[in-house]
């Protein structure tokens, strides 16, 4: 059986996941030169470049992405099997996370985590506002709050909002415009976003802390003042706005993970138009001094890998 230099594989995975030689060196307690040496060994063995280095910028090659996809699950299986044989002690971890993120994204993925890490006893602490970064609150966090001194953060998702409505409501828009073709409707709305102002718009205050601000930002991106004629329905939370849209009450601005993981097939349609970024960045946060704790390290790796699926692909709508 011909195998690559096995010591290089977890190092390659860390560099690819963190997109950084220095961060991988910190995580694995190795020098940057040792990291570079192992990556070079692996590249020489494969006969392909896995990364392109341009100054401080690091980009994974197509071959690197393909190789990472092929070996990641195998590394997880090896780690899991080894921990089972070792009889690894059960580790308890408390994760504080926003209610919408927990319900829409985290919980649907938990079975995968439990299968891979049965020795970790994960407790989900659901929060309705930004949690205090403290060991008193939780061991680690998913938050948009600024990271304070003594804590480290790994980016999971940059939030964006886009308009959605129910198929029934979309049929009404098609009839009003006299257009059935989705591409033509997209062109029509992109050329004249004020078309949406003719309909009931659903606004929520959970992101911008006040009603109407979500739609004001959406229209401002197109250099349009918020039309005064709009009829608004107001809800305090993103999930409530989502439910209102699902029940044909208007058009709501929803983010990727709520739309992608909450939406049963054919219950909501993402309108073919632009999205806006909210400036909120969802990070996995943990105390820097605890970064090498086995349970936190495994949870971080799993969440970082899973978070790549957070962004909704409109081509699958």
Protein backbone atom coordinates (compact mmCIF):
# COMPACT_ATOMS: atom_id res chain seq x y z
CA UNK A 1 0.00 0.00 0.00
CA UNK A 2 1.54 3.28 -1.12
CA UNK A 3 0.77 6.13 1.27
CA UNK A 4 1.79 9.80 1.29
CA UNK A 5 3.89 11.20 4.16
CA UNK A 6 1.21 10.76 6.85
CA UNK A 7 2.63 13.44 9.16
CA UNK A 8 1.95 15.97 6.41
CA UNK A 9 -1.78 15.24 6.09
CA UNK A 10 -3.12 16.88 9.31
CA UNK A 11 -0.76 19.79 8.66
CA UNK A 12 -2.16 20.20 5.14
CA UNK A 13 -5.71 20.04 6.53
CA UNK A 14 -4.95 22.75 9.12
CA UNK A 15 -3.31 25.09 6.57
CA UNK A 16 -6.21 24.59 4.14
CA UNK A 17 -8.86 25.12 6.81
CA UNK A 18 -7.21 28.21 8.31
CA UNK A 19 -5.84 29.51 4.98
CA UNK A 20 -2.65 30.41 6.79
CA UNK A 21 0.72 28.80 7.50
CA UNK A 22 1.20 30.89 10.66
CA UNK A 23 -2.24 30.09 12.10
CA UNK A 24 -1.70 26.39 11.40
CA UNK A 25 1.67 26.61 13.15
CA UNK A 26 0.01 28.19 16.22
CA UNK A 27 -2.76 25.59 16.31
CA UNK A 28 -0.40 22.63 15.96
CA UNK A 29 2.35 24.08 18.17
CA UNK A 30 4.90 23.89 15.34
CA UNK A 31 7.19 26.42 13.72
CA UNK A 32 6.24 27.96 10.38
CA UNK A 33 9.34 26.41 8.83
CA UNK A 34 8.18 22.96 9.98
CA UNK A 35 4.75 23.61 8.45
CA UNK A 36 6.31 24.73 5.15
CA UNK A 37 8.63 21.70 5.13
CA UNK A 38 5.75 19.23 5.57
CA UNK A 39 3.64 20.91 2.87
CA UNK A 40 6.62 20.79 0.50
CA UNK A 41 7.10 17.08 1.25
CA UNK A 42 3.46 16.41 0.41
CA UNK A 43 3.58 18.50 -2.78
CA UNK A 44 6.73 16.69 -3.90
CA UNK A 45 5.09 13.32 -3.23
CA UNK A 46 1.94 14.26 -5.17
CA UNK A 47 3.77 16.06 -7.92
CA UNK A 48 1.32 18.95 -7.68
CA UNK A 49 1.25 22.36 -6.01
CA UNK A 50 -1.39 22.50 -3.28
CA UNK A 51 -1.11 26.24 -2.55
CA UNK A 52 -0.15 29.35 -4.48
CA UNK A 53 1.86 31.81 -2.38
CA UNK A 54 1.82 35.45 -3.51
CA UNK A 55 3.44 37.56 -0.82
CA UNK A 56 1.20 37.28 2.25
CA UNK A 57 -1.71 35.93 0.19
CA UNK A 58 -2.30 32.18 0.23
CA UNK A 59 -4.61 30.51 -2.30
CA UNK A 60 -5.42 26.82 -2.59
CA UNK A 61 -5.06 25.31 -6.04
CA UNK A 62 -7.78 23.24 -7.69
CA UNK A 63 -5.68 20.15 -6.96
CA UNK A 64 -5.41 21.22 -3.31
CA UNK A 65 -9.17 21.67 -2.97
CA UNK A 66 -9.82 18.29 -4.56
CA UNK A 67 -7.27 16.57 -2.32
CA UNK A 68 -8.67 18.22 0.82
CA UNK A 69 -12.18 17.08 -0.07
CA UNK A 70 -10.92 13.51 -0.52
CA UNK A 71 -8.89 13.17 2.68
CA UNK A 72 -10.89 15.23 5.24
CA UNK A 73 -13.42 12.51 6.00
CA UNK A 74 -10.65 9.90 6.25
CA UNK A 75 -8.76 12.00 8.81
CA UNK A 76 -11.96 12.35 10.83
CA UNK A 77 -12.52 8.58 10.76
CA UNK A 78 -8.92 7.91 11.88
CA UNK A 79 -9.24 10.44 14.71
CA UNK A 80 -12.58 9.00 15.80
CA UNK A 81 -11.34 5.38 15.71
CA UNK A 82 -8.19 6.27 17.65
CA UNK A 83 -10.13 8.07 20.37
CA UNK A 84 -12.46 5.10 20.73
CA UNK A 85 -9.55 2.69 21.20
CA UNK A 86 -7.84 5.05 23.63
CA UNK A 87 -11.05 5.34 25.61
CA UNK A 88 -10.84 9.10 25.47
CA UNK A 89 -12.46 10.78 28.43
CA UNK A 90 -15.81 12.45 27.91
CA UNK A 91 -15.44 16.19 27.50
CA UNK A 92 -18.19 18.66 28.39
CA UNK A 93 -18.40 21.86 26.33
CA UNK A 94 -20.93 24.69 26.56
CA UNK A 95 -21.58 26.54 23.30
CA UNK A 96 -23.48 29.85 23.41
CA UNK A 97 -25.27 30.67 20.16
CA UNK A 98 -28.06 32.91 18.88
CA UNK A 99 -31.49 31.31 18.78
CA UNK A 100 -31.99 31.83 15.01
CA UNK A 101 -28.59 30.34 14.21
CA UNK A 102 -29.11 27.39 16.54
CA UNK A 103 -32.57 26.55 15.21
CA UNK A 104 -31.82 27.15 11.53
CA UNK A 105 -28.29 25.81 11.11
CA UNK A 106 -26.60 24.25 14.13
CA UNK A 107 -29.25 21.77 15.29
CA UNK A 108 -29.81 20.26 11.80
CA UNK A 109 -26.07 19.46 11.70
CA UNK A 110 -25.64 18.09 15.22
CA UNK A 111 -26.12 14.43 14.31
CA UNK A 112 -22.98 14.60 12.20
CA UNK A 113 -21.03 16.08 15.11
CA UNK A 114 -22.29 13.46 17.55
CA UNK A 115 -21.28 10.62 15.22
CA UNK A 116 -17.77 11.99 14.80
CA UNK A 117 -17.21 13.04 18.42
CA UNK A 118 -19.31 10.86 20.74
CA UNK A 119 -16.91 11.60 23.61
CA UNK A 120 -17.88 15.31 23.60
CA UNK A 121 -20.89 16.22 25.70
CA UNK A 122 -22.04 19.40 23.93
CA UNK A 123 -24.51 21.70 25.67
CA UNK A 124 -26.18 24.42 23.58
CA UNK A 125 -26.81 27.66 25.47
CA UNK A 126 -29.27 29.63 23.35
CA UNK A 127 -29.10 33.42 23.61
CA UNK A 128 -31.45 36.13 22.32
CA UNK A 129 -28.81 38.87 22.41
CA UNK A 130 -25.03 39.10 22.18
CA UNK A 131 -23.62 36.88 24.97
CA UNK A 132 -20.94 38.07 27.37
CA UNK A 133 -17.60 36.56 26.37
CA UNK A 134 -16.71 34.86 29.62
CA UNK A 135 -16.11 31.36 30.97
CA UNK A 136 -19.05 32.03 33.26
CA UNK A 137 -21.32 32.14 30.20
CA UNK A 138 -19.90 29.32 28.05
CA UNK A 139 -16.71 27.64 26.90
CA UNK A 140 -17.07 28.92 23.34
CA UNK A 141 -19.43 31.11 21.35
CA UNK A 142 -20.96 31.78 17.95
CA UNK A 143 -21.37 35.55 17.95
CA UNK A 144 -21.18 38.71 15.85
CA UNK A 145 -19.79 40.69 18.76
CA UNK A 146 -16.33 42.25 18.56
CA UNK A 147 -13.77 39.90 20.03
CA UNK A 148 -12.28 41.26 23.22
CA UNK A 149 -8.75 40.85 24.46
CA UNK A 150 -7.81 37.31 25.38
CA UNK A 151 -10.21 35.68 22.89
CA UNK A 152 -9.67 34.30 19.38
CA UNK A 153 -12.18 34.13 16.54
CA UNK A 154 -12.61 32.06 13.37
CA UNK A 155 -14.86 33.55 10.68
CA UNK A 156 -17.85 31.37 9.77
CA UNK A 157 -20.22 33.58 7.78
CA UNK A 158 -20.60 37.19 6.60
CA UNK A 159 -24.30 37.92 6.84
CA UNK A 160 -26.28 39.09 3.83
CA UNK A 161 -30.00 39.63 3.30
CA UNK A 162 -32.10 39.05 0.18
CA UNK A 163 -35.86 39.35 -0.54
CA UNK A 164 -38.05 36.24 -0.32
CA UNK A 165 -41.74 35.53 -0.62
CA UNK A 166 -44.10 32.57 -0.89
CA UNK A 167 -44.85 30.96 -4.29
CA UNK A 168 -48.42 32.26 -3.98
CA UNK A 169 -47.16 35.81 -3.48
CA UNK A 170 -44.69 35.41 -6.35
CA UNK A 171 -47.54 34.35 -8.64
CA UNK A 172 -49.20 37.68 -7.83
CA UNK A 173 -46.00 39.56 -8.77
CA UNK A 174 -45.83 37.64 -12.06
CA UNK A 175 -49.44 38.52 -12.85
CA UNK A 176 -48.94 42.21 -12.00
CA UNK A 177 -45.87 42.44 -14.22
CA UNK A 178 -47.40 40.30 -16.95
CA UNK A 179 -44.19 38.28 -17.02
CA UNK A 180 -43.78 34.57 -16.38
CA UNK A 181 -40.10 34.10 -17.22
CA UNK A 182 -37.88 34.24 -14.11
CA UNK A 183 -34.95 35.83 -15.98
CA UNK A 184 -37.13 38.62 -17.35
CA UNK A 185 -38.56 39.28 -13.87
CA UNK A 186 -35.01 39.48 -12.53
CA UNK A 187 -34.08 42.06 -15.18
CA UNK A 188 -37.24 44.02 -14.46
CA UNK A 189 -36.63 44.24 -10.69
CA UNK A 190 -32.90 44.97 -11.10
CA UNK A 191 -33.69 47.85 -13.47
CA UNK A 192 -36.44 49.20 -11.21
CA UNK A 193 -36.17 47.97 -7.57
CA UNK A 194 -39.01 50.33 -6.61
CA UNK A 195 -41.37 47.70 -8.04
CA UNK A 196 -41.18 45.92 -4.68
CA UNK A 197 -42.48 49.07 -2.95
CA UNK A 198 -45.91 48.31 -4.44
CA UNK A 199 -46.24 45.27 -2.19
CA UNK A 200 -46.51 44.63 1.52
CA UNK A 201 -42.97 44.45 2.91
CA UNK A 202 -42.09 42.60 6.09
CA UNK A 203 -39.53 44.27 8.35
CA UNK A 204 -37.76 42.96 11.46
CA UNK A 205 -35.72 44.74 14.12
CA UNK A 206 -33.43 41.92 15.25
CA UNK A 207 -30.46 42.89 13.04
CA UNK A 208 -30.52 46.69 12.82
CA UNK A 209 -32.28 47.26 16.18
CA UNK A 210 -35.11 49.21 14.59
CA UNK A 211 -37.91 48.58 12.13
CA UNK A 212 -37.64 49.56 8.43
CA UNK A 213 -33.84 49.84 8.59
CA UNK A 214 -33.37 46.52 6.79
CA UNK A 215 -35.37 47.75 3.79
CA UNK A 216 -33.89 51.24 3.96
CA UNK A 217 -30.44 49.68 3.53
CA UNK A 218 -31.68 47.43 0.71
CA UNK A 219 -33.11 50.36 -1.26
CA UNK A 220 -30.10 52.58 -0.45
CA UNK A 221 -27.83 50.02 -2.14
CA UNK A 222 -29.67 50.96 -5.34
CA UNK A 223 -29.48 54.70 -4.58
CA UNK A 224 -33.21 54.83 -3.83
CA UNK A 225 -34.76 56.52 -0.81
CA UNK A 226 -37.18 54.33 1.12
CA UNK A 227 -40.55 55.03 -0.55
CA UNK A 228 -43.10 56.52 1.87
CA UNK A 229 -45.98 54.65 0.26
CA UNK A 230 -44.83 51.19 1.44
CA UNK A 231 -47.11 49.19 3.71
CA UNK A 232 -44.96 47.50 6.35
CA UNK A 233 -45.63 44.57 8.63
CA UNK A 234 -43.37 44.67 11.68
CA UNK A 235 -41.86 41.73 13.55
CA UNK A 236 -39.26 41.75 16.30
CA UNK A 237 -37.29 38.76 15.05
CA UNK A 238 -35.93 37.39 11.78
CA UNK A 239 -37.64 34.02 12.33
CA UNK A 240 -41.03 35.73 12.74
CA UNK A 241 -40.49 37.65 9.50
CA UNK A 242 -39.61 34.37 7.82
CA UNK A 243 -42.86 32.77 9.04
CA UNK A 244 -44.89 35.77 7.87
CA UNK A 245 -43.41 35.51 4.38
CA UNK A 246 -44.09 31.78 4.32
CA UNK A 247 -47.76 32.52 5.03
CA UNK A 248 -48.12 34.88 2.03
CA UNK A 249 -48.10 38.13 4.06
CA UNK A 250 -45.50 39.94 1.99
CA UNK A 251 -41.82 40.12 1.02
CA UNK A 252 -39.18 39.72 3.75
CA UNK A 253 -35.40 40.16 3.86
CA UNK A 254 -33.89 36.88 5.06
CA UNK A 255 -30.30 35.69 5.48
CA UNK A 256 -28.68 32.60 3.98
CA UNK A 257 -28.90 30.11 6.82
CA UNK A 258 -32.52 30.84 7.73
CA UNK A 259 -33.59 30.52 4.10
CA UNK A 260 -31.43 27.50 3.27
CA UNK A 261 -32.10 25.34 6.32
CA UNK A 262 -35.51 26.47 7.51
CA UNK A 263 -37.28 26.38 4.17
CA UNK A 264 -39.14 23.21 3.13
CA UNK A 265 -39.18 22.63 -0.62
CA UNK A 266 -41.43 25.06 -2.53
CA UNK A 267 -42.45 27.06 0.57
CA UNK A 268 -40.39 30.21 -0.18
CA UNK A 269 -38.80 31.75 -3.25
CA UNK A 270 -35.70 33.96 -3.25
CA UNK A 271 -36.54 36.85 -5.57
CA UNK A 272 -34.02 37.15 -8.42
CA UNK A 273 -32.46 40.43 -7.35
CA UNK A 274 -29.53 41.81 -5.35
CA UNK A 275 -28.60 41.14 -1.72
CA UNK A 276 -27.11 43.44 0.92
CA UNK A 277 -24.42 42.71 3.48
CA UNK A 278 -25.36 43.63 7.05
CA UNK A 279 -21.73 44.06 8.27
CA UNK A 280 -22.35 41.32 10.86
CA UNK A 281 -19.76 38.56 10.83
CA UNK A 282 -20.55 35.30 12.60
CA UNK A 283 -17.45 33.98 14.36
CA UNK A 284 -16.62 30.92 16.39
CA UNK A 285 -15.02 32.47 19.49
CA UNK A 286 -13.04 30.88 22.31
CA UNK A 287 -10.54 31.96 24.94
CA UNK A 288 -7.08 32.03 23.37
CA UNK A 289 -5.50 30.34 26.37
CA UNK A 290 -7.82 27.36 25.82
CA UNK A 291 -7.21 26.96 22.07
CA UNK A 292 -5.31 23.70 22.49
CA UNK A 293 -7.93 21.98 24.65
CA UNK A 294 -8.89 18.85 22.76
CA UNK A 295 -12.68 19.33 22.88
CA UNK A 296 -12.63 23.00 21.86
CA UNK A 297 -10.13 22.27 19.08
CA UNK A 298 -12.31 19.48 17.67
CA UNK A 299 -15.49 21.58 17.86
CA UNK A 300 -13.70 24.47 16.13
CA UNK A 301 -12.46 22.25 13.31
CA UNK A 302 -15.91 20.71 12.79
CA UNK A 303 -17.74 24.06 12.81
CA UNK A 304 -15.20 25.69 10.49
CA UNK A 305 -15.59 22.86 8.00
CA UNK A 306 -19.40 22.76 8.20
CA UNK A 307 -19.74 26.55 7.90
CA UNK A 308 -18.56 26.39 4.29
CA UNK A 309 -22.10 25.28 3.43
CA UNK A 310 -23.75 28.34 5.01
CA UNK A 311 -24.13 30.50 1.90
CA UNK A 312 -27.22 29.86 -0.19
CA UNK A 313 -26.64 29.13 -3.88
CA UNK A 314 -29.41 30.85 -5.88
CA UNK A 315 -28.91 28.33 -8.68
CA UNK A 316 -30.46 25.69 -6.42
CA UNK A 317 -33.56 27.80 -5.64
